[in-house]
Amino acid sequence: MCTSISLLTLTVFNLFISEITSIPSSIKGCSSLAEFYMGNNLLSTIPDDIGMLSKLGTLDLHSNQMKEYPVGACKLKLSFLDLSNNALSGLPPELGTMTTLRKLLLSGNPMRALRSSLVSGPTSTLMKYLRSRLSSEEEASGSRATPTKVDQISAARRLSVSSKELNLSGLGVPNVPPAAWETSDVVKLDLSKNLIEDLPNELSLCSSLQALILSNNKIKKWPGMVVSSLPSLTSLKLDNNPLAEISPTDLESLSKLEILDLSGNASSLSEPSVVSSLPQLQELYLRRMKLQEFPIGLVQLKHLRILNLSQNNLTTIPEGIKDFSALIELDLSDNNITRLPAELGLLEPSLQVLKLDGNPLRSIRRTVLERGTKAVLSYLKEKLPSN
């Protein structure tokens, strides 16, 4: 399916109502794919290889003939998955490990293995239930003993020799293991889902480190001394920590930063525009920050391509949104937005993904919203006053 250069660089693939009966395993070659729309076709299954699409965030498979969702596809890092109106009777417990999934649509399936309250309820509740089933199955199988933390760290170090990525996530450790800085050529370090409160100065030895993931820890104070001494750092994820307020001076030394995630740290940014001091920033994630107003000051970030403001308390979007000319993805889902400014339509040339689900929008017909990003932007653009 993805053999030409144009398909290799494809970010949005829409094959809605095309009478397609199967997806070839070569789909894995579409390495840049972010949105894949396959609704209203004749699919009975999808290939496990689709799980290799690391950038895929939206997968629409509604109104097909699917009887099962393959375990291999549970490796995807989706935020939106539409499986409505298929022939599914259940879901694999492994789907519960898709921690990035925010919206899962299942209506119109003959679900027998799941309670109706789970199918129609919040996605987070269903995911938690599936994870519990996965744990129960592993426990019942008794096929392997639980490795010790030392074993897990040793295994992670061995893998990092070739991959240059060290994964120490989910160990439940209160301190950063020495393995984190004993391998100096690591480019990506994942310390998420632990109980870490502080970063040791030894981490400053990681001169090659480009990506540092500290999500879901107990960090209260901005780790400025360490992160400012990492010369190659371009990606920093500190989401879901009890961070205290971040000042503009805390960010001044991170001039090379391209990706920043502060989601779930409501008290860390009293004024989101302080992030504007990061001139190279391309991706900014501010989910669950209790934001009341759209942070228009971020317009100073001329390279900003992805802005995620989902799960906040936004009610309006300013006309100045038109000046975010580099944006390719804007997530405004799960807010309290009732109308969109016509000026948003001026982003049509660049904006590829606009997420609006979970808002009480009254200014746009649902039929327009269901047709996707381009249709919404075109509709808004037509509402602009003519000169």
Protein backbone atom coordinates (compact mmCIF):
# COMPACT_ATOMS: atom_id res chain seq x y z
CA MET A 1 0.00 0.00 0.00
CA CYS A 2 2.84 2.41 0.86
CA THR A 3 5.47 2.00 -1.85
CA SER A 4 5.83 5.48 -3.32
CA ILE A 5 7.57 8.41 -1.67
CA SER A 6 4.27 10.32 -1.45
CA LEU A 7 2.71 7.51 0.60
CA LEU A 8 5.76 7.18 2.81
CA THR A 9 5.29 10.80 3.87
CA LEU A 10 1.48 10.63 4.05
CA THR A 11 0.01 11.95 7.31
CA VAL A 12 -3.74 11.62 6.57
CA PHE A 13 -5.25 8.69 4.62
CA ASN A 14 -9.00 8.77 3.90
CA LEU A 15 -10.54 5.69 2.22
CA PHE A 16 -14.09 6.24 3.49
CA ILE A 17 -16.74 4.26 1.53
CA SER A 18 -14.33 2.55 -0.88
CA GLU A 19 -15.62 -1.07 -0.67
CA ILE A 20 -12.22 -2.19 0.68
CA THR A 21 -12.14 -5.77 1.99
CA SER A 22 -8.63 -5.89 3.46
CA ILE A 23 -5.65 -3.76 4.47
CA PRO A 24 -2.30 -5.15 3.25
CA SER A 25 0.52 -5.65 5.77
CA SER A 26 2.54 -3.14 3.74
CA ILE A 27 0.55 -0.44 5.58
CA LYS A 28 3.42 -0.54 8.07
CA GLY A 29 5.45 1.39 5.49
CA CYS A 30 3.26 4.48 5.96
CA SER A 31 5.56 5.57 8.78
CA SER A 32 4.32 9.18 8.93
CA LEU A 33 0.62 8.34 9.06
CA ALA A 34 -1.22 10.28 11.81
CA GLU A 35 -4.87 9.79 10.75
CA PHE A 36 -6.35 6.73 9.01
CA TYR A 37 -10.02 6.74 7.99
CA MET A 38 -11.45 3.39 6.84
CA GLY A 39 -15.10 3.80 7.79
CA ASN A 40 -17.95 2.28 5.76
CA ASN A 41 -15.94 -0.45 4.05
CA LEU A 42 -16.01 -4.27 4.07
CA LEU A 43 -13.17 -5.06 6.46
CA SER A 44 -13.43 -8.24 8.52
CA THR A 45 -10.06 -7.71 10.21
CA ILE A 46 -6.95 -5.52 10.15
CA PRO A 47 -3.31 -6.72 10.03
CA ASP A 48 -1.18 -6.96 13.18
CA ASP A 49 1.47 -4.95 11.32
CA ILE A 50 -0.66 -1.83 11.69
CA GLY A 51 0.71 -1.76 15.24
CA MET A 52 4.03 -0.55 13.79
CA LEU A 53 2.59 2.86 12.83
CA SER A 54 4.19 4.76 15.69
CA LYS A 55 2.73 8.18 14.75
CA LEU A 56 -0.86 7.05 14.20
CA GLY A 57 -3.17 8.96 16.55
CA THR A 58 -6.59 8.57 14.89
CA LEU A 59 -7.97 5.28 13.55
CA ASP A 60 -11.53 5.21 12.18
CA LEU A 61 -12.88 1.72 11.42
CA HIS A 62 -16.58 2.35 11.94
CA SER A 63 -19.25 0.56 9.90
CA ASN A 64 -17.21 -2.46 8.75
CA GLN A 65 -17.59 -6.19 9.43
CA MET A 66 -14.87 -6.69 12.03
CA LYS A 67 -15.39 -9.55 14.48
CA GLU A 68 -12.23 -8.93 16.50
CA TYR A 69 -9.62 -6.27 17.18
CA PRO A 70 -6.14 -7.83 16.83
CA VAL A 71 -3.73 -7.84 19.77
CA GLY A 72 -0.94 -6.50 17.52
CA ALA A 73 -2.93 -3.32 16.93
CA CYS A 74 -2.90 -2.69 20.69
CA LYS A 75 0.68 -1.44 20.28
CA LEU A 76 -0.61 1.72 18.63
CA LYS A 77 -0.43 5.02 20.51
CA LEU A 78 -3.89 6.17 19.50
CA SER A 79 -5.84 9.03 21.03
CA PHE A 80 -9.03 8.23 19.05
CA LEU A 81 -10.36 4.83 17.94
CA ASP A 82 -13.76 4.34 16.28
CA LEU A 83 -14.93 0.70 16.19
CA SER A 84 -18.65 1.47 16.14
CA ASN A 85 -21.09 -0.49 13.98
CA ASN A 86 -19.02 -3.63 13.48
CA ALA A 87 -19.54 -7.25 14.58
CA LEU A 88 -17.38 -7.20 17.70
CA SER A 89 -18.48 -9.41 20.58
CA GLY A 90 -15.57 -8.46 22.84
CA LEU A 91 -12.20 -6.72 23.07
CA PRO A 92 -8.71 -8.06 23.85
CA PRO A 93 -7.54 -7.19 27.40
CA GLU A 94 -4.32 -5.88 25.82
CA LEU A 95 -6.29 -2.90 24.50
CA GLY A 96 -6.27 -1.65 28.09
CA THR A 97 -2.52 -1.00 27.76
CA MET A 98 -3.17 1.75 25.18
CA THR A 99 -2.67 4.49 27.76
CA THR A 100 -2.82 7.30 25.19
CA LEU A 101 -6.39 6.39 24.14
CA ARG A 102 -8.83 9.10 25.16
CA LYS A 103 -11.87 8.22 23.04
CA LEU A 104 -13.08 4.73 22.07
CA LEU A 105 -16.39 4.40 20.20
CA LEU A 106 -18.10 0.98 20.37
CA SER A 107 -21.82 1.56 19.81
CA GLY A 108 -23.59 -0.73 17.35
CA ASN A 109 -21.59 -3.87 18.20
CA PRO A 110 -23.11 -7.13 19.56
CA MET A 111 -20.94 -6.98 22.67
CA ARG A 112 -21.45 -10.07 24.82
CA ALA A 113 -18.21 -10.10 26.80
CA LEU A 114 -18.64 -6.54 28.14
CA ARG A 115 -21.38 -4.95 30.21
CA SER A 116 -23.40 -2.32 28.38
CA SER A 117 -22.45 0.24 31.05
CA LEU A 118 -18.78 -0.28 30.14
CA VAL A 119 -19.44 -0.01 26.41
CA SER A 120 -21.42 3.24 26.70
CA GLY A 121 -19.53 4.70 29.66
CA PRO A 122 -16.28 6.72 29.87
CA THR A 123 -13.35 5.35 27.87
CA SER A 124 -11.09 5.56 30.93
CA THR A 125 -13.38 3.21 32.91
CA LEU A 126 -13.39 0.62 30.12
CA MET A 127 -9.59 0.80 29.76
CA LYS A 128 -9.15 0.27 33.50
CA TYR A 129 -11.44 -2.77 33.34
CA LEU A 130 -9.51 -4.27 30.41
CA ARG A 131 -6.21 -3.79 32.25
CA SER A 132 -7.63 -5.60 35.26
CA ARG A 133 -8.63 -8.51 33.02
CA LEU A 134 -5.11 -8.62 31.59
CA SER A 135 -3.60 -8.80 35.08
CA SER A 136 -6.02 -11.57 36.05
CA GLU A 137 -5.16 -13.63 32.98
CA GLU A 138 -1.42 -13.31 33.60
CA GLU A 139 -1.90 -14.27 37.23
CA ALA A 140 -4.00 -17.29 36.32
CA SER A 141 -1.53 -18.52 33.72
CA GLY A 142 1.36 -18.54 36.20
CA SER A 143 3.58 -18.97 33.16
CA ARG A 144 6.36 -16.75 34.41
CA ALA A 145 7.70 -15.42 37.65
CA THR A 146 7.73 -11.67 38.20
CA PRO A 147 11.25 -10.37 37.55
CA THR A 148 12.91 -8.29 40.27
CA LYS A 149 13.60 -4.60 39.75
CA VAL A 150 17.31 -5.39 39.44
CA ASP A 151 16.54 -7.90 36.67
CA GLN A 152 14.36 -5.37 34.86
CA ILE A 153 17.02 -2.66 35.04
CA SER A 154 19.71 -5.06 33.82
CA ALA A 155 17.53 -6.14 30.89
CA ALA A 156 16.80 -2.50 30.02
CA ARG A 157 20.53 -1.70 30.02
CA ARG A 158 21.27 -4.58 27.65
CA LEU A 159 18.61 -3.37 25.23
CA SER A 160 19.91 0.20 25.37
CA VAL A 161 23.32 -0.82 24.02
CA SER A 162 21.90 -1.16 20.50
CA SER A 163 18.82 1.06 20.67
CA LYS A 164 20.37 3.96 22.63
CA GLU A 165 17.04 4.12 24.47
CA LEU A 166 16.81 3.22 28.17
CA ASN A 167 13.34 2.31 29.43
CA LEU A 168 13.05 2.35 33.24
CA SER A 169 9.31 3.05 33.26
CA GLY A 170 6.91 1.55 35.79
CA LEU A 171 9.47 0.18 38.26
CA GLY A 172 7.93 1.98 41.22
CA VAL A 173 11.36 3.23 42.36
CA PRO A 174 11.68 6.39 44.53
CA ASN A 175 15.12 7.28 43.14
CA VAL A 176 16.67 7.36 39.67
CA PRO A 177 18.67 4.12 39.21
CA PRO A 178 22.42 4.66 38.51
CA ALA A 179 21.92 2.80 35.20
CA ALA A 180 20.38 6.03 33.91
CA TRP A 181 23.72 7.84 33.78
CA GLU A 182 26.16 4.92 33.59
CA THR A 183 25.44 4.56 29.86
CA SER A 184 26.52 7.95 28.56
CA ASP A 185 25.43 7.53 24.93
CA VAL A 186 21.70 7.03 25.65
CA VAL A 187 19.58 9.44 23.59
CA LYS A 188 16.19 8.64 25.17
CA LEU A 189 15.55 7.99 28.86
CA ASP A 190 12.10 6.94 30.09
CA LEU A 191 11.65 7.26 33.88
CA SER A 192 7.87 7.54 33.81
CA LYS A 193 5.45 5.86 36.25
CA ASN A 194 7.81 5.79 39.22
CA LEU A 195 7.88 7.54 42.61
CA ILE A 196 10.77 9.90 41.84
CA GLU A 197 10.78 13.28 43.64
CA ASP A 198 14.18 14.68 42.61
CA LEU A 199 16.70 14.21 39.83
CA PRO A 200 20.30 13.48 40.87
CA ASN A 201 23.07 15.73 39.58
CA GLU A 202 24.69 12.68 37.99
CA LEU A 203 22.07 12.81 35.23
CA SER A 204 23.97 15.84 33.93
CA LEU A 205 26.55 13.36 32.64
CA CYS A 206 24.12 12.23 29.92
CA SER A 207 25.50 14.59 27.29
CA SER A 208 23.84 12.71 24.40
CA LEU A 209 20.37 12.70 25.95
CA GLN A 210 17.76 14.13 23.59
CA ALA A 211 14.49 12.95 25.17
CA LEU A 212 13.73 12.78 28.90
CA ILE A 213 10.40 11.31 30.01
CA LEU A 214 9.45 11.97 33.66
CA SER A 215 5.69 11.53 33.38
CA ASN A 216 3.67 10.26 36.36
CA ASN A 217 6.17 10.77 39.17
CA LYS A 218 6.24 12.84 42.38
CA ILE A 219 8.38 15.74 41.18
CA LYS A 220 7.39 19.00 42.92
CA LYS A 221 10.27 21.30 42.02
CA TRP A 222 11.31 22.20 38.48
CA PRO A 223 14.51 20.14 37.83
CA GLY A 224 16.30 23.11 36.34
CA MET A 225 19.85 22.28 37.46
CA VAL A 226 19.79 18.95 35.65
CA VAL A 227 17.78 19.71 32.50
CA SER A 228 19.67 22.94 31.83
CA SER A 229 22.94 20.99 31.78
CA LEU A 230 21.80 18.56 29.08
CA PRO A 231 23.15 20.16 25.88
CA SER A 232 21.28 17.88 23.43
CA LEU A 233 17.86 17.88 25.13
CA THR A 234 15.02 18.53 22.66
CA SER A 235 12.11 16.68 24.30
CA LEU A 236 10.95 16.96 27.94
CA LYS A 237 7.82 15.30 29.35
CA LEU A 238 6.83 16.21 32.91
CA ASP A 239 3.11 15.53 32.70
CA ASN A 240 1.22 14.34 35.78
CA ASN A 241 3.61 15.53 38.46
CA PRO A 242 2.75 17.83 41.42
CA LEU A 243 4.95 20.58 39.98
CA ALA A 244 5.06 23.98 41.66
CA GLU A 245 4.91 27.14 39.56
CA ILE A 246 7.42 27.45 36.71
CA SER A 247 9.01 30.85 36.18
CA PRO A 248 10.28 32.28 32.87
CA THR A 249 13.88 31.98 34.11
CA ASP A 250 13.38 28.23 34.59
CA LEU A 251 12.93 27.85 30.84
CA GLU A 252 15.54 30.29 29.55
CA SER A 253 18.31 27.66 29.38
CA LEU A 254 16.23 25.27 27.26
CA SER A 255 16.52 27.16 23.98
CA LYS A 256 16.82 23.92 21.95
CA LEU A 257 13.66 22.33 23.35
CA GLU A 258 11.23 21.19 20.62
CA ILE A 259 8.72 19.11 22.64
CA LEU A 260 7.30 19.98 26.08
CA ASP A 261 4.53 18.19 27.97
CA LEU A 262 3.28 19.74 31.24
CA SER A 263 -0.18 18.18 31.19
CA GLY A 264 -1.88 17.61 34.53
CA ASN A 265 0.27 20.19 36.35
CA ALA A 266 -2.42 22.80 36.87
CA SER A 267 -0.41 24.87 39.36
CA SER A 268 2.79 24.91 37.31
CA LEU A 269 1.76 27.60 34.80
CA SER A 270 -0.15 30.53 36.22
CA GLU A 271 0.57 32.24 32.90
CA PRO A 272 1.07 29.79 29.99
CA SER A 273 2.75 32.45 27.86
CA VAL A 274 5.98 31.92 29.84
CA VAL A 275 6.49 28.98 27.49
CA SER A 276 6.98 31.52 24.71
CA SER A 277 10.60 31.82 25.84
CA LEU A 278 11.30 28.50 24.05
CA PRO A 279 12.00 29.70 20.48
CA GLN A 280 12.39 26.25 18.90
CA LEU A 281 9.27 24.66 20.45
CA GLN A 282 7.30 22.56 17.96
CA GLU A 283 5.00 20.51 20.20
CA LEU A 284 3.27 21.72 23.37
CA TYR A 285 0.93 19.61 25.50
CA LEU A 286 -1.14 21.39 28.17
CA ARG A 287 -3.93 18.90 28.87
CA ARG A 288 -5.85 19.07 32.17
CA MET A 289 -4.32 22.41 33.20
CA LYS A 290 -7.62 24.03 34.27
CA LEU A 291 -7.08 26.75 31.68
CA GLN A 292 -9.97 29.22 31.50
CA GLU A 293 -8.69 31.22 28.52
CA PHE A 294 -6.91 30.33 25.32
CA PRO A 295 -3.20 31.20 25.80
CA ILE A 296 -2.94 33.60 22.87
CA GLY A 297 0.57 34.62 23.99
CA LEU A 298 1.83 31.35 22.54
CA VAL A 299 1.50 32.92 19.09
CA GLN A 300 5.12 34.01 19.57
CA LEU A 301 6.15 30.38 19.05
CA LYS A 302 6.67 30.61 15.29
CA HIS A 303 7.63 26.92 14.90
CA LEU A 304 4.73 25.48 16.92
CA ARG A 305 3.23 22.57 14.93
CA ILE A 306 1.22 20.67 17.57
CA LEU A 307 -0.79 22.33 20.35
CA ASN A 308 -2.85 20.19 22.73
CA LEU A 309 -5.22 22.09 25.04
CA SER A 310 -7.68 19.26 25.61
CA GLN A 311 -9.52 18.61 28.89
CA ASN A 312 -9.44 22.21 30.09
CA ASN A 313 -12.16 24.80 30.79
CA LEU A 314 -11.89 26.89 27.61
CA THR A 315 -15.12 28.54 26.51
CA THR A 316 -13.98 30.66 23.56
CA ILE A 317 -11.27 30.68 20.91
CA PRO A 318 -9.90 34.14 20.00
CA GLU A 319 -9.79 35.51 16.46
CA GLY A 320 -6.02 35.67 16.87
CA ILE A 321 -5.92 31.90 16.34
CA LYS A 322 -5.35 32.77 12.68
CA ASP A 323 -1.77 33.80 13.52
CA PHE A 324 -0.75 30.25 14.54
CA SER A 325 0.25 29.71 10.93
CA ALA A 326 2.63 26.76 11.49
CA LEU A 327 0.10 24.54 13.28
CA ILE A 328 -0.60 21.13 11.74
CA GLU A 329 -2.50 19.73 14.75
CA LEU A 330 -4.74 21.52 17.26
CA ASP A 331 -6.51 19.56 19.99
CA LEU A 332 -9.36 21.45 21.69
CA SER A 333 -11.38 18.39 22.69
CA ASP A 334 -13.19 18.09 26.03
CA ASN A 335 -13.56 21.79 26.79
CA ASN A 336 -16.64 24.05 27.06
CA ILE A 337 -16.36 25.73 23.66
CA THR A 338 -19.73 26.70 22.14
CA ARG A 339 -18.55 28.46 18.98
CA LEU A 340 -15.49 28.74 16.76
CA PRO A 341 -14.27 31.97 15.14
CA ALA A 342 -14.42 32.13 11.37
CA GLU A 343 -10.75 33.16 11.44
CA LEU A 344 -9.84 29.59 12.38
CA GLY A 345 -10.64 28.73 8.77
CA LEU A 346 -7.59 30.73 7.67
CA LEU A 347 -5.41 27.89 8.98
CA GLU A 348 -6.78 25.59 6.29
CA PRO A 349 -3.53 25.49 4.24
CA SER A 350 -1.48 24.04 7.13
CA LEU A 351 -3.81 22.60 9.79
CA GLN A 352 -4.31 18.87 9.14
CA VAL A 353 -5.85 17.73 12.43
CA LEU A 354 -8.45 19.65 14.44
CA LYS A 355 -9.95 17.77 17.40
CA LEU A 356 -13.21 19.18 18.77
CA ASP A 357 -15.08 16.22 20.29
CA GLY A 358 -16.45 16.72 23.79
CA ASN A 359 -17.42 20.39 23.30
CA PRO A 360 -20.99 21.80 23.35
CA LEU A 361 -20.53 23.38 19.90
CA ARG A 362 -23.67 25.07 18.63
CA SER A 363 -22.30 27.18 15.78
CA ILE A 364 -21.48 24.25 13.46
CA ARG A 365 -23.83 21.53 12.29
CA ARG A 366 -22.93 18.00 13.38
CA THR A 367 -22.91 16.85 9.76
CA VAL A 368 -20.05 19.27 9.08
CA LEU A 369 -18.12 18.16 12.18
CA GLU A 370 -18.43 14.52 11.20
CA ARG A 371 -16.80 15.20 7.81
CA GLY A 372 -13.50 16.04 9.49
CA THR A 373 -10.91 18.78 9.75
CA LYS A 374 -10.87 20.06 6.17
CA ALA A 375 -14.65 20.32 6.04
CA VAL A 376 -14.79 22.29 9.30
CA LEU A 377 -12.05 24.69 8.20
CA SER A 378 -13.67 25.24 4.81
CA TYR A 379 -17.02 25.91 6.50
CA LEU A 380 -15.46 28.48 8.83
CA LYS A 381 -13.53 30.12 6.01
CA GLU A 382 -16.77 30.65 4.08
CA LYS A 383 -18.14 32.53 7.10
CA LEU A 384 -15.44 35.19 6.90
CA PRO A 385 -16.78 38.60 5.85
CA SER A 386 -15.93 39.43 2.25
CA ASN A 387 -13.77 42.49 1.66
